[in-house]
Structures are given as C-alpha cells and as structure tokens.
Amino acid sequence: MKVQLTTSLGNIMLELDRKKAPVTVDNFIGYIRSGHYDGTIFHRVIRDFMIQGGGLDSNMKVKPTVAPIKNEADNNLFNELGTIAMARTSDPHSASAQFFINTNDNRFLDFQSATRDSWGYCVFGKVTDGMDVVTTIEETVTTTRSGYQDVPEKVIVIEKAEVLEK
C-alpha cells in the first residue's frame, strides 16, 4: 500500500507493509482517511535519529486520537534508515496516531522480548521516495516550544496525507 505525505518542504512517499503489520497499517490508514494528519506538524526532530509527527497541530495542540493499538514490533521489520514506525509512551501498547521516520539505523528500538522494557517500536513501512525531504526536515534548526524539546524553529506541516493505492 502506498501513501503520500505532502509536507511544506516536499513530498514523502511511503510503502506500507500490511502483511507484517496489519493492525498498525489499518490504524495509520484510518487516521489518513479521517483527515487526522492533514495540518499536523513534525514536532520532534533529532539529527541522526528520527523525525516525529502526526499528533500536534501548528499551535502545538495535541489532536484527539482513537484507542491505542497492539504493538506489532515483533514482526521482523527493523528500525533502519528510512523506515516508518509508531511512536508511543513507555507503555508498549500505547501507540495511536504519532509516527516517526528513522534517519539512522536505530536497531536498539527493535523488538527484543515481550516485556515492558524490551518490546520495541513497530516498523510498518519505509520511505520509497522523498528521503531528501526527510533529510531536510532532519537538518532543520530546533528549539523548545510549549514544553516540547527538539521542535523545528520553522513549522514543518503535513499539509495532506493520502492513500495512493489499495
């Protein structure tokens, strides 16, 4: 399944792996189809690590979400450069709408065991085009805003998220 994120800095094309992460892909697609991601921002950017978005609007207000999903990090997909994964809290099964794109090989985020501290972060796809846009976002200057650290000084908006094929 292909998805396009139209951002204020260019397009990011994603290929989602529904076979290995069905719950996660269906959740992500549900948020896309509801329009949830339109107008959200990349609110956490850490060089040589990842760019995170999908949960806050340009005023740093958290958008409402549906119930969290089961963590499918034990699917043999790995947090490598260019992959997309679900963000979550310390609770392994707390992912809802926020996601991140790895800008480095972050294998320490992979599933190791079904315990609270070793569950990992579920990878559910990869960037197939637009890594230059991801790199531009990653290299942006960041600051602290509204209690959040590593926020881009210049707002980077996900203007539209859309499913391109079924």
C-alpha atoms as a PDB file:
ATOM      1  CA  MET A   1       0.000   0.000   0.000  1.00  0.00           C
ATOM      2  CA  LYS A   2       1.397   3.387  -0.990  1.00  0.00           C
ATOM      3  CA  VAL A   3       0.903   6.643   0.914  1.00  0.00           C
ATOM      4  CA  GLN A   4       1.991  10.176   0.120  1.00  0.00           C
ATOM      5  CA  LEU A   5       2.700  12.779   2.790  1.00  0.00           C
ATOM      6  CA  THR A   6       2.575  16.230   1.241  1.00  0.00           C
ATOM      7  CA  THR A   7       4.631  18.460   3.533  1.00  0.00           C
ATOM      8  CA  SER A   8       5.519  22.136   3.460  1.00  0.00           C
ATOM      9  CA  LEU A   9       9.029  21.034   2.365  1.00  0.00           C
ATOM     10  CA  GLY A  10       8.042  18.469  -0.290  1.00  0.00           C
ATOM     11  CA  ASN A  11       6.536  15.010  -0.675  1.00  0.00           C
ATOM     12  CA  ILE A  12       7.412  11.810   1.161  1.00  0.00           C
ATOM     13  CA  MET A  13       6.260   8.551  -0.427  1.00  0.00           C
ATOM     14  CA  LEU A  14       5.737   5.534   1.810  1.00  0.00           C
ATOM     15  CA  GLU A  15       5.257   1.848   1.116  1.00  0.00           C
ATOM     16  CA  LEU A  16       3.353   0.215   3.986  1.00  0.00           C
ATOM     17  CA  ASP A  17       3.719  -3.467   4.894  1.00  0.00           C
ATOM     18  CA  ARG A  18       0.201  -4.644   5.749  1.00  0.00           C
ATOM     19  CA  LYS A  19       1.281  -8.298   5.664  1.00  0.00           C
ATOM     20  CA  LYS A  20       3.727  -7.885   8.566  1.00  0.00           C
ATOM     21  CA  ALA A  21       1.905  -5.099  10.465  1.00  0.00           C
ATOM     22  CA  PRO A  22      -1.832  -5.352   9.671  1.00  0.00           C
ATOM     23  CA  VAL A  23      -3.175  -3.678  12.819  1.00  0.00           C
ATOM     24  CA  THR A  24      -0.671  -0.827  12.562  1.00  0.00           C
ATOM     25  CA  VAL A  25      -1.214  -0.220   8.837  1.00  0.00           C
ATOM     26  CA  ASP A  26      -5.019  -0.284   9.243  1.00  0.00           C
ATOM     27  CA  ASN A  27      -4.704   2.186  12.133  1.00  0.00           C
ATOM     28  CA  PHE A  28      -2.452   4.519  10.100  1.00  0.00           C
ATOM     29  CA  ILE A  29      -4.764   4.325   7.063  1.00  0.00           C
ATOM     30  CA  GLY A  30      -7.746   5.067   9.304  1.00  0.00           C
ATOM     31  CA  TYR A  31      -6.091   8.248  10.513  1.00  0.00           C
ATOM     32  CA  ILE A  32      -5.254   9.212   6.920  1.00  0.00           C
ATOM     33  CA  ARG A  33      -8.813   8.642   5.688  1.00  0.00           C
ATOM     34  CA  SER A  34     -10.262  10.635   8.604  1.00  0.00           C
ATOM     35  CA  GLY A  35      -8.058  13.615   7.677  1.00  0.00           C
ATOM     36  CA  HIS A  36      -6.299  13.456  11.051  1.00  0.00           C
ATOM     37  CA  TYR A  37      -2.795  14.034   9.679  1.00  0.00           C
ATOM     38  CA  ASP A  38      -3.747  17.000   7.473  1.00  0.00           C
ATOM     39  CA  GLY A  39      -2.401  20.094   9.231  1.00  0.00           C
ATOM     40  CA  THR A  40      -0.280  18.213  11.772  1.00  0.00           C
ATOM     41  CA  ILE A  41       3.403  19.026  12.108  1.00  0.00           C
ATOM     42  CA  PHE A  42       6.745  17.346  12.558  1.00  0.00           C
ATOM     43  CA  HIS A  43       7.074  18.348  16.214  1.00  0.00           C
ATOM     44  CA  ARG A  44      10.167  16.369  17.240  1.00  0.00           C
ATOM     45  CA  VAL A  45      13.312  16.271  15.131  1.00  0.00           C
ATOM     46  CA  ILE A  46      16.576  14.779  16.355  1.00  0.00           C
ATOM     47  CA  ARG A  47      19.510  14.698  13.941  1.00  0.00           C
ATOM     48  CA  ASP A  48      20.962  11.239  13.241  1.00  0.00           C
ATOM     49  CA  PHE A  49      17.941   9.658  14.943  1.00  0.00           C
ATOM     50  CA  MET A  50      14.439  10.412  13.647  1.00  0.00           C
ATOM     51  CA  ILE A  51      11.700  12.892  12.696  1.00  0.00           C
ATOM     52  CA  GLN A  52       8.362  12.544  14.509  1.00  0.00           C
ATOM     53  CA  GLY A  53       4.925  13.847  13.616  1.00  0.00           C
ATOM     54  CA  GLY A  54       1.247  13.171  13.302  1.00  0.00           C
ATOM     55  CA  GLY A  55      -0.054  14.265  16.688  1.00  0.00           C
ATOM     56  CA  LEU A  56       0.126  18.034  17.098  1.00  0.00           C
ATOM     57  CA  ASP A  57      -1.177  20.965  15.071  1.00  0.00           C
ATOM     58  CA  SER A  58       0.840  24.079  14.234  1.00  0.00           C
ATOM     59  CA  ASN A  59      -0.228  25.662  17.550  1.00  0.00           C
ATOM     60  CA  MET A  60       1.337  22.696  19.421  1.00  0.00           C
ATOM     61  CA  LYS A  61      -2.099  21.421  20.437  1.00  0.00           C
ATOM     62  CA  VAL A  62      -2.462  17.635  20.682  1.00  0.00           C
ATOM     63  CA  LYS A  63      -5.086  16.284  18.292  1.00  0.00           C
ATOM     64  CA  PRO A  64      -7.583  13.756  19.675  1.00  0.00           C
ATOM     65  CA  THR A  65      -6.986  10.101  18.827  1.00  0.00           C
ATOM     66  CA  VAL A  66      -8.812   6.806  18.914  1.00  0.00           C
ATOM     67  CA  ALA A  67      -7.859   3.982  21.290  1.00  0.00           C
ATOM     68  CA  PRO A  68      -4.219   2.813  21.251  1.00  0.00           C
ATOM     69  CA  ILE A  69      -3.309  -0.288  19.257  1.00  0.00           C
ATOM     70  CA  LYS A  70      -1.488  -3.550  19.911  1.00  0.00           C
ATOM     71  CA  ASN A  71       2.250  -3.254  19.361  1.00  0.00           C
ATOM     72  CA  GLU A  72       3.346  -5.395  16.404  1.00  0.00           C
ATOM     73  CA  ALA A  73       7.077  -4.726  16.803  1.00  0.00           C
ATOM     74  CA  ASP A  74       7.724  -8.480  16.842  1.00  0.00           C
ATOM     75  CA  ASN A  75       7.119  -8.601  13.056  1.00  0.00           C
ATOM     76  CA  ASN A  76      10.750  -8.903  11.839  1.00  0.00           C
ATOM     77  CA  LEU A  77      10.783  -5.364  10.428  1.00  0.00           C
ATOM     78  CA  PHE A  78      13.626  -3.278  11.806  1.00  0.00           C
ATOM     79  CA  ASN A  79      14.182   0.369  12.753  1.00  0.00           C
ATOM     80  CA  GLU A  80      16.614   1.080   9.946  1.00  0.00           C
ATOM     81  CA  LEU A  81      17.312   4.210   7.952  1.00  0.00           C
ATOM     82  CA  GLY A  82      14.202   5.274   6.032  1.00  0.00           C
ATOM     83  CA  THR A  83      11.666   3.109   7.846  1.00  0.00           C
ATOM     84  CA  ILE A  84       8.480   4.443   9.444  1.00  0.00           C
ATOM     85  CA  ALA A  85       7.450   3.271  12.913  1.00  0.00           C
ATOM     86  CA  MET A  86       4.828   4.107  15.508  1.00  0.00           C
ATOM     87  CA  ALA A  87       5.676   6.442  18.364  1.00  0.00           C
ATOM     88  CA  ARG A  88       4.378   5.531  21.813  1.00  0.00           C
ATOM     89  CA  THR A  89       4.805   6.177  25.520  1.00  0.00           C
ATOM     90  CA  SER A  90       6.635   3.817  27.892  1.00  0.00           C
ATOM     91  CA  ASP A  91       3.599   1.514  27.640  1.00  0.00           C
ATOM     92  CA  PRO A  92       4.430  -0.823  24.728  1.00  0.00           C
ATOM     93  CA  HIS A  93       0.784  -0.891  23.585  1.00  0.00           C
ATOM     94  CA  SER A  94       0.120   2.869  23.643  1.00  0.00           C
ATOM     95  CA  ALA A  95       0.673   3.865  20.000  1.00  0.00           C
ATOM     96  CA  SER A  96      -2.167   5.810  18.436  1.00  0.00           C
ATOM     97  CA  ALA A  97      -1.518   8.417  15.716  1.00  0.00           C
ATOM     98  CA  GLN A  98       2.064   9.630  16.115  1.00  0.00           C
ATOM     99  CA  PHE A  99       4.762   8.107  13.955  1.00  0.00           C
ATOM    100  CA  PHE A 100       8.437   8.628  13.225  1.00  0.00           C
ATOM    101  CA  ILE A 101      10.754   8.128  10.290  1.00  0.00           C
ATOM    102  CA  ASN A 102      14.179   6.764  11.185  1.00  0.00           C
ATOM    103  CA  THR A 103      17.047   8.913   9.887  1.00  0.00           C
ATOM    104  CA  ASN A 104      19.630   6.391  11.047  1.00  0.00           C
ATOM    105  CA  ASP A 105      19.825   2.677  11.770  1.00  0.00           C
ATOM    106  CA  ASN A 106      18.154   2.582  15.202  1.00  0.00           C
ATOM    107  CA  ARG A 107      18.164  -1.152  15.868  1.00  0.00           C
ATOM    108  CA  PHE A 108      18.112  -0.503  19.638  1.00  0.00           C
ATOM    109  CA  LEU A 109      14.421   0.366  19.079  1.00  0.00           C
ATOM    110  CA  ASP A 110      13.657  -3.123  17.725  1.00  0.00           C
ATOM    111  CA  PHE A 111      11.624  -5.808  19.490  1.00  0.00           C
ATOM    112  CA  GLN A 112      13.753  -7.971  21.797  1.00  0.00           C
ATOM    113  CA  SER A 113      11.206  -9.636  24.067  1.00  0.00           C
ATOM    114  CA  ALA A 114       7.558  -9.292  25.098  1.00  0.00           C
ATOM    115  CA  THR A 115       8.355  -7.264  28.216  1.00  0.00           C
ATOM    116  CA  ARG A 116       7.575  -3.649  29.001  1.00  0.00           C
ATOM    117  CA  ASP A 117      11.185  -2.522  28.553  1.00  0.00           C
ATOM    118  CA  SER A 118      12.122  -4.650  25.535  1.00  0.00           C
ATOM    119  CA  TRP A 119       9.019  -4.614  23.332  1.00  0.00           C
ATOM    120  CA  GLY A 120      10.382  -2.079  20.843  1.00  0.00           C
ATOM    121  CA  TYR A 121       8.735   0.238  18.332  1.00  0.00           C
ATOM    122  CA  CYS A 122       6.681  -1.175  15.474  1.00  0.00           C
ATOM    123  CA  VAL A 123       8.041  -0.588  11.981  1.00  0.00           C
ATOM    124  CA  PHE A 124       5.240  -0.757   9.414  1.00  0.00           C
ATOM    125  CA  GLY A 125       6.755   0.584   6.203  1.00  0.00           C
ATOM    126  CA  LYS A 126       9.517   2.541   4.532  1.00  0.00           C
ATOM    127  CA  VAL A 127      10.177   5.689   2.557  1.00  0.00           C
ATOM    128  CA  THR A 128      10.380   4.878  -1.159  1.00  0.00           C
ATOM    129  CA  ASP A 129      10.795   8.450  -2.414  1.00  0.00           C
ATOM    130  CA  GLY A 130      11.439  11.734  -0.650  1.00  0.00           C
ATOM    131  CA  MET A 131      14.377  10.848   1.604  1.00  0.00           C
ATOM    132  CA  ASP A 132      15.782  14.211   0.541  1.00  0.00           C
ATOM    133  CA  VAL A 133      12.742  15.817   2.189  1.00  0.00           C
ATOM    134  CA  VAL A 134      13.252  13.671   5.303  1.00  0.00           C
ATOM    135  CA  THR A 135      16.902  14.799   5.398  1.00  0.00           C
ATOM    136  CA  THR A 136      15.906  18.457   5.009  1.00  0.00           C
ATOM    137  CA  ILE A 137      13.492  18.079   7.936  1.00  0.00           C
ATOM    138  CA  GLU A 138      16.153  16.272   9.975  1.00  0.00           C
ATOM    139  CA  GLU A 139      18.663  19.076   9.412  1.00  0.00           C
ATOM    140  CA  THR A 140      16.310  21.878  10.490  1.00  0.00           C
ATOM    141  CA  VAL A 141      17.209  24.051  13.478  1.00  0.00           C
ATOM    142  CA  THR A 142      15.212  23.072  16.571  1.00  0.00           C
ATOM    143  CA  THR A 143      14.151  24.766  19.792  1.00  0.00           C
ATOM    144  CA  THR A 144      11.892  24.234  22.812  1.00  0.00           C
ATOM    145  CA  ARG A 145       8.271  25.302  22.386  1.00  0.00           C
ATOM    146  CA  SER A 146       5.182  24.789  24.565  1.00  0.00           C
ATOM    147  CA  GLY A 147       7.106  22.396  26.808  1.00  0.00           C
ATOM    148  CA  TYR A 148       8.315  20.238  23.905  1.00  0.00           C
ATOM    149  CA  GLN A 149      12.006  19.865  23.085  1.00  0.00           C
ATOM    150  CA  ASP A 150      13.545  19.364  19.625  1.00  0.00           C
ATOM    151  CA  VAL A 151      10.757  21.297  17.861  1.00  0.00           C
ATOM    152  CA  PRO A 152      11.681  22.795  14.481  1.00  0.00           C
ATOM    153  CA  GLU A 153      12.025  26.584  14.744  1.00  0.00           C
ATOM    154  CA  LYS A 154      10.203  26.901  11.429  1.00  0.00           C
ATOM    155  CA  VAL A 155       6.928  24.959  11.458  1.00  0.00           C
ATOM    156  CA  ILE A 156       7.010  21.939   9.103  1.00  0.00           C
ATOM    157  CA  VAL A 157       3.442  20.972   8.224  1.00  0.00           C
ATOM    158  CA  ILE A 158       1.999  17.747   6.885  1.00  0.00           C
ATOM    159  CA  GLU A 159      -0.416  19.504   4.564  1.00  0.00           C
ATOM    160  CA  LYS A 160      -2.070  16.311   3.331  1.00  0.00           C
ATOM    161  CA  ALA A 161      -1.736  12.566   3.797  1.00  0.00           C
ATOM    162  CA  GLU A 162      -3.336  10.312   1.206  1.00  0.00           C
ATOM    163  CA  VAL A 163      -3.546   6.667   0.240  1.00  0.00           C
ATOM    164  CA  LEU A 164      -2.459   6.267  -3.388  1.00  0.00           C
ATOM    165  CA  GLU A 165      -3.398   2.617  -3.932  1.00  0.00           C
ATOM    166  CA  LYS A 166      -5.144  -0.146  -2.084  1.00  0.00           C
END
